Each structure stands twice: as structure tokens, then as C-alpha cells.
Amino acid sequence: MYRPTSVWFFVVVLLASSLSSHLVHAAPFKKCTHLAKRSGNILLGWKGLRYGVNVAEFEKSPQASASGELGSVLYIADGTALARSFAQNDICEIYADTEEWEKMPKAWVSQAEIQDIIKAGSNAKVLPGTALFASHTAAGVQGDPSPWQLGVRPQDFKRLRITAKCYAVTDPCFATPLKLHYDQLSAAWHIHGHPERGH
């Protein structure tokens, strides 16, 4: 005998299973929804912290690296995969004041200019007064075959109101790589020049 209740029960079970599956797959992103909702601030990217860095102090006052291919800057990755490759304990979301970031001059750094910075040991003469965007020396990291980086000079921290929010590398937010794609933000962020990959 045809039993409508049995059919409806099967449909309900199927829908419940589908919904459960969707929530499981969505779970890693659920905790990250605040990224686009932080009032007055814009997410610039992520930074991985090594052992020995005081996380609470870094959140209050992010620090620049003493040296590197972009000189003394706060190095920010456009994806969590690159940040995670440097992280030993925490990955930090780096934010700036939205209005100040809009006004901040920004430029892509060429490979020739990167060599100038490395030779001089300083970025003082390369695109002064700008936020520096460039490819990363890593040809690719697990989860991101084409990483990009951003360097913010220490003298611009106060103006941009740079802040950080850090999470353990094991946080569910980073289970699936997140990426801003700096190379696709040139128009929206008014980044002068063109992205250039190293050889």
C-alpha cells in the first residue's frame, strides 16, 4: 500500500542530511564572517607570528620586521597560506582605518626596485611615502601557488591606525586558505604600477 507518510519522512531525512552537510562545509568560514564587518576598518591581510613574539603586545602595537626584501616594514600576506608558512604560534589579521587607507599612496614594487632595497639595506629611496606591494620570493606555498605581499612602513602605522587581531594557527578560520588577491585589487585600492613576478 502507498504510504505518503513514509515518502515525507524520506524527504525530511534527505533535506536534513543536505543541510547538515552544508553546515559542516561552511563551518571553517563561520568564524571569519567578522572580516567584512569590522566597522571603520579594512582588512589588509595576514601575518604569521613566530615563537617569542608577545601576541597581546603585537595586537596592541604591531611591529615592523628589521629587514627583508622590502626593507624595514610590517610584512603582510594576501593569503593565510603564506602567513601560515611563517607562523609558529599565531596568525594575525592586520587592519587599517578605512578612510586613511583610501588616502594612502600605494604602489607595486618592481623586481629591480627590490634589488635596490636589498643592496642598500633600506627602502628609504624606493617609492617613499607609499605602501609597498610586491610578489613574494616563495614561488608558491601549500594552498597558494601565487602569493603576494604588502609592506607598511613603521612611520605610517599611526596614520593608518594599524591594528591586529591574532588567532592560534589551529583556529578553524584557517582550515581553508583565505586570500585577498592583491593583484586583483589594483583598481579598487588605487595601487600604482603593475604586479610583477620574480624570476
Protein backbone atom coordinates (compact mmCIF):
# COMPACT_ATOMS: atom_id res chain seq x y z
CA MET A 1 0.00 0.00 0.00
CA TYR A 2 1.22 3.53 -0.83
CA ARG A 3 2.13 5.39 2.36
CA PRO A 4 2.51 9.21 1.97
CA THR A 5 3.96 9.49 5.46
CA SER A 6 6.87 7.23 4.51
CA VAL A 7 7.62 9.38 1.48
CA TRP A 8 7.52 12.58 3.51
CA PHE A 9 9.78 11.01 6.14
CA PHE A 10 12.34 10.16 3.44
CA VAL A 11 12.19 13.72 2.08
CA VAL A 12 12.68 15.22 5.56
CA VAL A 13 15.67 12.95 6.21
CA LEU A 14 17.19 13.87 2.84
CA LEU A 15 16.80 17.62 3.48
CA ALA A 16 18.21 17.32 6.98
CA SER A 17 21.22 15.43 5.63
CA SER A 18 21.80 18.06 2.95
CA LEU A 19 21.56 20.92 5.46
CA SER A 20 23.91 19.14 7.86
CA SER A 21 26.46 18.66 5.09
CA HIS A 22 26.26 22.35 4.13
CA LEU A 23 26.85 23.46 7.71
CA VAL A 24 29.85 21.16 8.08
CA HIS A 25 31.47 22.58 4.93
CA ALA A 26 30.57 26.14 5.95
CA ALA A 27 31.92 25.76 9.49
CA PRO A 28 35.53 26.85 8.75
CA PHE A 29 34.24 30.16 7.35
CA LYS A 30 31.63 30.83 10.01
CA LYS A 31 34.13 32.31 12.44
CA CYS A 32 35.60 34.50 9.69
CA THR A 33 32.43 36.44 8.87
CA HIS A 34 33.65 39.32 11.04
CA LEU A 35 36.37 40.08 8.49
CA ALA A 36 33.99 42.18 6.38
CA LYS A 37 32.07 43.60 9.33
CA ARG A 38 34.71 45.40 11.38
CA SER A 39 33.28 48.91 11.41
CA GLY A 40 35.63 51.66 10.25
CA ASN A 41 38.46 49.26 9.47
CA ILE A 42 39.65 47.39 6.40
CA LEU A 43 41.41 44.05 6.37
CA LEU A 44 44.85 44.41 4.77
CA GLY A 45 45.85 40.76 5.03
CA TRP A 46 47.52 38.34 7.43
CA LYS A 47 50.81 37.95 9.28
CA GLY A 48 52.25 34.81 10.81
CA LEU A 49 53.96 35.19 14.20
CA ARG A 50 56.98 33.20 15.28
CA TYR A 51 57.71 31.89 18.76
CA GLY A 52 58.87 34.53 21.19
CA VAL A 53 56.54 37.27 19.96
CA ASN A 54 54.23 38.55 22.67
CA VAL A 55 50.84 38.22 20.97
CA ALA A 56 49.00 40.60 23.33
CA GLU A 57 51.64 43.27 22.77
CA PHE A 58 51.62 42.72 19.00
CA GLU A 59 47.85 43.18 18.91
CA LYS A 60 48.19 46.49 20.75
CA SER A 61 51.20 47.67 18.78
CA PRO A 62 52.18 45.72 15.63
CA GLN A 63 55.91 45.78 14.93
CA ALA A 64 57.83 46.00 11.67
CA SER A 65 60.50 43.47 10.75
CA ALA A 66 64.02 44.83 10.95
CA SER A 67 64.88 43.81 7.40
CA GLY A 68 63.76 41.90 4.34
CA GLU A 69 63.32 42.29 0.60
CA LEU A 70 61.06 45.32 1.14
CA GLY A 71 63.23 46.74 3.90
CA SER A 72 62.02 47.53 7.41
CA VAL A 73 58.24 47.19 7.11
CA LEU A 74 55.33 45.31 8.60
CA TYR A 75 55.13 42.36 6.20
CA ILE A 76 51.56 41.35 5.39
CA ALA A 77 50.48 38.40 3.23
CA ASP A 78 47.50 38.50 0.91
CA GLY A 79 46.56 34.97 1.95
CA THR A 80 46.50 32.84 5.08
CA ALA A 81 48.56 30.11 3.38
CA LEU A 82 51.61 32.38 3.08
CA ALA A 83 51.09 33.77 6.60
CA ARG A 84 50.79 30.25 7.94
CA SER A 85 54.08 29.22 6.34
CA PHE A 86 55.80 31.76 8.64
CA ALA A 87 53.60 31.23 11.69
CA GLN A 88 54.82 29.18 14.62
CA ASN A 89 52.08 30.06 17.05
CA ASP A 90 49.59 32.65 15.75
CA ILE A 91 48.22 34.17 12.56
CA CYS A 92 47.11 37.77 12.81
CA GLU A 93 44.56 39.70 10.79
CA ILE A 94 46.01 43.14 10.06
CA TYR A 95 43.63 46.09 9.83
CA ALA A 96 43.86 49.79 8.94
CA ASP A 97 41.47 52.69 9.22
CA THR A 98 39.33 52.54 6.08
CA GLU A 99 39.42 56.26 5.27
CA GLU A 100 43.15 56.61 5.92
CA TRP A 101 43.90 53.54 3.83
CA GLU A 102 41.90 55.02 0.97
CA LYS A 103 44.09 58.15 1.07
CA MET A 104 47.37 56.28 1.49
CA PRO A 105 49.59 56.22 -1.63
CA LYS A 106 50.22 52.64 -2.77
CA ALA A 107 52.48 51.18 -5.45
CA TRP A 108 53.72 47.92 -6.90
CA VAL A 109 57.44 47.43 -6.40
CA SER A 110 59.33 46.12 -9.41
CA GLN A 111 61.94 43.37 -9.17
CA ALA A 112 64.63 45.95 -9.99
CA GLU A 113 63.48 48.12 -7.10
CA ILE A 114 63.51 45.12 -4.76
CA GLN A 115 67.14 44.55 -5.70
CA ASP A 116 67.86 48.23 -4.96
CA ILE A 117 66.33 47.83 -1.49
CA ILE A 118 68.34 44.68 -0.81
CA LYS A 119 71.62 46.26 -1.97
CA ALA A 120 71.04 49.47 0.02
CA GLY A 121 69.65 47.66 3.04
CA SER A 122 66.94 50.30 3.13
CA ASN A 123 63.71 51.26 1.35
CA ALA A 124 64.15 54.97 2.04
CA LYS A 125 64.79 55.86 -1.60
CA VAL A 126 62.27 53.49 -3.17
CA LEU A 127 58.76 54.91 -3.55
CA PRO A 128 58.97 56.98 -0.34
CA GLY A 129 55.69 57.63 1.43
CA THR A 130 53.89 54.68 -0.14
CA ALA A 131 52.61 51.29 0.94
CA LEU A 132 54.64 48.70 -0.97
CA PHE A 133 53.11 45.78 -2.86
CA ALA A 134 55.18 43.02 -4.41
CA SER A 135 55.36 39.36 -5.32
CA HIS A 136 56.81 37.06 -2.69
CA THR A 137 60.12 35.29 -3.16
CA ALA A 138 58.37 32.00 -2.49
CA ALA A 139 57.31 30.66 -5.88
CA GLY A 140 54.36 29.14 -4.08
CA VAL A 141 53.35 27.71 -0.74
CA GLN A 142 50.98 24.90 0.10
CA GLY A 143 47.49 26.20 -0.61
CA ASP A 144 48.67 29.26 -2.58
CA PRO A 145 50.69 28.96 -5.79
CA SER A 146 50.99 32.73 -6.30
CA PRO A 147 51.45 34.64 -3.01
CA TRP A 148 51.69 38.45 -2.84
CA GLN A 149 52.90 40.65 -0.01
CA LEU A 150 52.38 44.16 1.31
CA GLY A 151 54.86 46.22 3.30
CA VAL A 152 53.74 49.08 5.55
CA ARG A 153 56.47 51.38 6.84
CA PRO A 154 56.61 51.97 10.62
CA GLN A 155 56.19 55.73 10.20
CA ASP A 156 52.75 55.10 8.67
CA PHE A 157 51.40 52.90 11.48
CA LYS A 158 49.94 55.76 13.49
CA ARG A 159 48.42 57.50 10.47
CA LEU A 160 46.80 54.29 9.23
CA ARG A 161 45.85 53.18 12.77
CA ILE A 162 47.28 49.74 12.14
CA THR A 163 45.83 47.10 14.46
CA ALA A 164 45.95 43.34 14.67
CA LYS A 165 43.74 40.51 15.85
CA CYS A 166 45.53 37.21 16.34
CA TYR A 167 44.39 33.59 16.48
CA ALA A 168 46.18 30.29 17.01
CA VAL A 169 47.29 28.59 13.80
CA THR A 170 44.90 25.78 14.72
CA ASP A 171 41.90 28.13 14.63
CA PRO A 172 39.07 26.78 12.40
CA CYS A 173 39.16 30.09 10.49
CA PHE A 174 42.34 28.93 8.77
CA ALA A 175 41.25 25.38 7.96
CA THR A 176 40.59 26.52 4.40
CA PRO A 177 43.01 29.11 2.90
CA LEU A 178 41.65 32.65 2.64
CA LYS A 179 43.07 35.11 0.11
CA LEU A 180 42.57 38.78 -0.81
CA HIS A 181 44.37 38.61 -4.19
CA TYR A 182 46.30 41.91 -4.13
CA ASP A 183 46.88 41.59 -7.88
CA GLN A 184 43.12 41.93 -8.37
CA LEU A 185 42.82 44.95 -6.06
CA SER A 186 44.94 47.43 -8.03
CA ALA A 187 41.91 49.41 -9.24
CA ALA A 188 39.87 49.21 -6.04
CA TRP A 189 42.82 50.14 -3.81
CA HIS A 190 44.40 52.58 -6.32
CA ILE A 191 47.72 50.74 -6.41
CA HIS A 192 50.01 52.41 -8.95
CA GLY A 193 52.09 50.32 -11.31
CA HIS A 194 51.63 46.69 -12.19
CA PRO A 195 52.19 43.44 -10.34
CA GLU A 196 55.45 41.82 -11.36
CA ARG A 197 56.53 38.29 -10.62
CA GLY A 198 60.11 37.43 -9.72
CA HIS A 199 62.09 35.02 -11.84
